Every structure is written in structure tokens, then in C-alpha cells.
Amino acid sequence: IMNRDNIILIFRILLGATFIFSGIVKLDSIYQFEQTIFKAGVTDWSLIPWLSRFVIGIEIFLGICFFHKEGLKKFTIPATFAMLI
């Protein structure tokens, strides 16, 4: 039988793996990701290469953070919500 701690652990691993996978996939097609940022009107072309790599790096970093239990409630979850917004 699955207890609450095991379910939370599985959820953290799946969520972390999803963030890491998403970041790696964006690295593979970074030009398309840059175009998406440009079409959203976030900034002009001079800052998009920096912004896109920063967002991808933060996404992979947050994915790794989900594998660590320390700081999950104080840093990882709030930072993830802030990034998603």
C-alpha cells in the first residue's frame, strides 16, 4: 500500500524529470523557443538569446531542485510557481 510520503516522492521525481526534460528539449530547438519569446512580445531580439538561455537554465535547475528535499517548501515550490506565472 502506498503511503503519503511515497506518493509525494513519486510526484517530486516526476515533476523534476518533467522540468529537466522540458529544458533539454528547448535547448535542442532553441531558435524556435527564441521565436516564441519574440512573438509573445516579451523583449526585442537583442535580449532574447540571453533571456531564452536564462529561462532554460532556471527550468533545469528547478527540475534538479525537486530531487532534493531540503528547501522544497521554502524555495523550490515558490520559485516554480513564479516561473510558471
C-alpha atoms as a PDB file:
ATOM      1  CA  ILE A   1       0.000   0.000   0.000  1.00  0.00           C
ATOM      2  CA  MET A   2       1.272   3.479  -0.878  1.00  0.00           C
ATOM      3  CA  ASN A   3       1.605   5.892   1.981  1.00  0.00           C
ATOM      4  CA  ARG A   4       1.600   9.670   1.688  1.00  0.00           C
ATOM      5  CA  ASP A   5       5.415  10.026   1.733  1.00  0.00           C
ATOM      6  CA  ASN A   6       5.867   7.599  -1.164  1.00  0.00           C
ATOM      7  CA  ILE A   7       3.242   9.390  -3.249  1.00  0.00           C
ATOM      8  CA  ILE A   8       4.923  12.758  -2.609  1.00  0.00           C
ATOM      9  CA  LEU A   9       8.318  11.279  -3.518  1.00  0.00           C
ATOM     10  CA  ILE A  10       6.990   9.879  -6.799  1.00  0.00           C
ATOM     11  CA  PHE A  11       5.320  13.206  -7.584  1.00  0.00           C
ATOM     12  CA  ARG A  12       8.568  15.124  -6.878  1.00  0.00           C
ATOM     13  CA  ILE A  13      10.584  12.800  -9.111  1.00  0.00           C
ATOM     14  CA  LEU A  14       8.077  13.012 -11.966  1.00  0.00           C
ATOM     15  CA  LEU A  15       7.841  16.793 -11.699  1.00  0.00           C
ATOM     16  CA  GLY A  16      11.611  17.212 -11.540  1.00  0.00           C
ATOM     17  CA  ALA A  17      12.128  14.909 -14.514  1.00  0.00           C
ATOM     18  CA  THR A  18       9.486  16.839 -16.460  1.00  0.00           C
ATOM     19  CA  PHE A  19      11.241  20.157 -15.849  1.00  0.00           C
ATOM     20  CA  ILE A  20      14.643  18.721 -16.798  1.00  0.00           C
ATOM     21  CA  PHE A  21      13.261  17.046 -19.929  1.00  0.00           C
ATOM     22  CA  SER A  22      11.479  20.239 -20.964  1.00  0.00           C
ATOM     23  CA  GLY A  23      14.658  22.290 -20.577  1.00  0.00           C
ATOM     24  CA  ILE A  24      16.743  19.838 -22.574  1.00  0.00           C
ATOM     25  CA  VAL A  25      14.158  19.721 -25.377  1.00  0.00           C
ATOM     26  CA  LYS A  26      14.160  23.533 -25.530  1.00  0.00           C
ATOM     27  CA  LEU A  27      17.957  23.502 -25.840  1.00  0.00           C
ATOM     28  CA  ASP A  28      17.650  21.243 -28.871  1.00  0.00           C
ATOM     29  CA  SER A  29      15.334  23.687 -30.653  1.00  0.00           C
ATOM     30  CA  ILE A  30      16.485  26.941 -29.077  1.00  0.00           C
ATOM     31  CA  TYR A  31      15.833  29.061 -32.158  1.00  0.00           C
ATOM     32  CA  GLN A  32      12.156  28.068 -32.123  1.00  0.00           C
ATOM     33  CA  PHE A  33      11.992  28.892 -28.414  1.00  0.00           C
ATOM     34  CA  GLU A  34      13.549  32.299 -29.122  1.00  0.00           C
ATOM     35  CA  GLN A  35      10.953  32.939 -31.820  1.00  0.00           C
ATOM     36  CA  THR A  36       8.173  32.034 -29.389  1.00  0.00           C
ATOM     37  CA  ILE A  37       9.502  34.559 -26.870  1.00  0.00           C
ATOM     38  CA  PHE A  38       9.748  37.208 -29.608  1.00  0.00           C
ATOM     39  CA  LYS A  39       6.192  36.540 -30.834  1.00  0.00           C
ATOM     40  CA  ALA A  40       4.929  36.876 -27.253  1.00  0.00           C
ATOM     41  CA  GLY A  41       6.341  40.410 -27.265  1.00  0.00           C
ATOM     42  CA  VAL A  42       8.451  39.951 -24.156  1.00  0.00           C
ATOM     43  CA  THR A  43      11.501  41.804 -25.476  1.00  0.00           C
ATOM     44  CA  ASP A  44      13.384  42.642 -28.661  1.00  0.00           C
ATOM     45  CA  TRP A  45      15.899  40.419 -30.480  1.00  0.00           C
ATOM     46  CA  SER A  46      18.930  41.856 -28.692  1.00  0.00           C
ATOM     47  CA  LEU A  47      17.957  40.319 -25.326  1.00  0.00           C
ATOM     48  CA  ILE A  48      16.184  37.168 -26.468  1.00  0.00           C
ATOM     49  CA  PRO A  49      19.295  34.922 -26.682  1.00  0.00           C
ATOM     50  CA  TRP A  50      20.187  35.799 -23.080  1.00  0.00           C
ATOM     51  CA  LEU A  51      16.618  35.502 -21.825  1.00  0.00           C
ATOM     52  CA  SER A  52      15.954  32.171 -23.516  1.00  0.00           C
ATOM     53  CA  ARG A  53      19.101  30.574 -22.120  1.00  0.00           C
ATOM     54  CA  PHE A  54      18.378  32.010 -18.666  1.00  0.00           C
ATOM     55  CA  VAL A  55      14.840  30.582 -18.676  1.00  0.00           C
ATOM     56  CA  ILE A  56      16.087  27.181 -19.837  1.00  0.00           C
ATOM     57  CA  GLY A  57      18.815  27.168 -17.186  1.00  0.00           C
ATOM     58  CA  ILE A  58      16.361  28.070 -14.430  1.00  0.00           C
ATOM     59  CA  GLU A  59      13.981  25.375 -15.641  1.00  0.00           C
ATOM     60  CA  ILE A  60      16.664  22.680 -15.489  1.00  0.00           C
ATOM     61  CA  PHE A  61      17.867  23.994 -12.110  1.00  0.00           C
ATOM     62  CA  LEU A  62      14.342  23.816 -10.672  1.00  0.00           C
ATOM     63  CA  GLY A  63      13.998  20.282 -12.023  1.00  0.00           C
ATOM     64  CA  ILE A  64      17.148  19.298 -10.141  1.00  0.00           C
ATOM     65  CA  CYS A  65      15.873  21.060  -7.010  1.00  0.00           C
ATOM     66  CA  PHE A  66      12.819  18.794  -6.950  1.00  0.00           C
ATOM     67  CA  PHE A  67      15.152  15.850  -6.301  1.00  0.00           C
ATOM     68  CA  HIS A  68      16.337  17.464  -3.040  1.00  0.00           C
ATOM     69  CA  LYS A  69      14.016  17.504  -0.070  1.00  0.00           C
ATOM     70  CA  GLU A  70      15.704  20.434   1.673  1.00  0.00           C
ATOM     71  CA  GLY A  71      14.287  23.777   0.666  1.00  0.00           C
ATOM     72  CA  LEU A  72      11.346  22.269  -1.183  1.00  0.00           C
ATOM     73  CA  LYS A  73       8.676  24.326   0.572  1.00  0.00           C
ATOM     74  CA  LYS A  74      10.783  27.455   1.089  1.00  0.00           C
ATOM     75  CA  PHE A  75      12.449  27.772  -2.321  1.00  0.00           C
ATOM     76  CA  THR A  76      11.598  25.215  -4.993  1.00  0.00           C
ATOM     77  CA  ILE A  77       7.807  25.352  -4.962  1.00  0.00           C
ATOM     78  CA  PRO A  78       7.561  29.183  -4.763  1.00  0.00           C
ATOM     79  CA  ALA A  79      10.234  29.589  -7.462  1.00  0.00           C
ATOM     80  CA  THR A  80       8.396  27.112  -9.688  1.00  0.00           C
ATOM     81  CA  PHE A  81       5.115  28.993  -9.297  1.00  0.00           C
ATOM     82  CA  ALA A  82       6.882  32.294 -10.018  1.00  0.00           C
ATOM     83  CA  MET A  83       8.408  30.862 -13.191  1.00  0.00           C
ATOM     84  CA  LEU A  84       5.122  29.429 -14.377  1.00  0.00           C
ATOM     85  CA  ILE A  85       3.399  32.782 -13.902  1.00  0.00           C
END
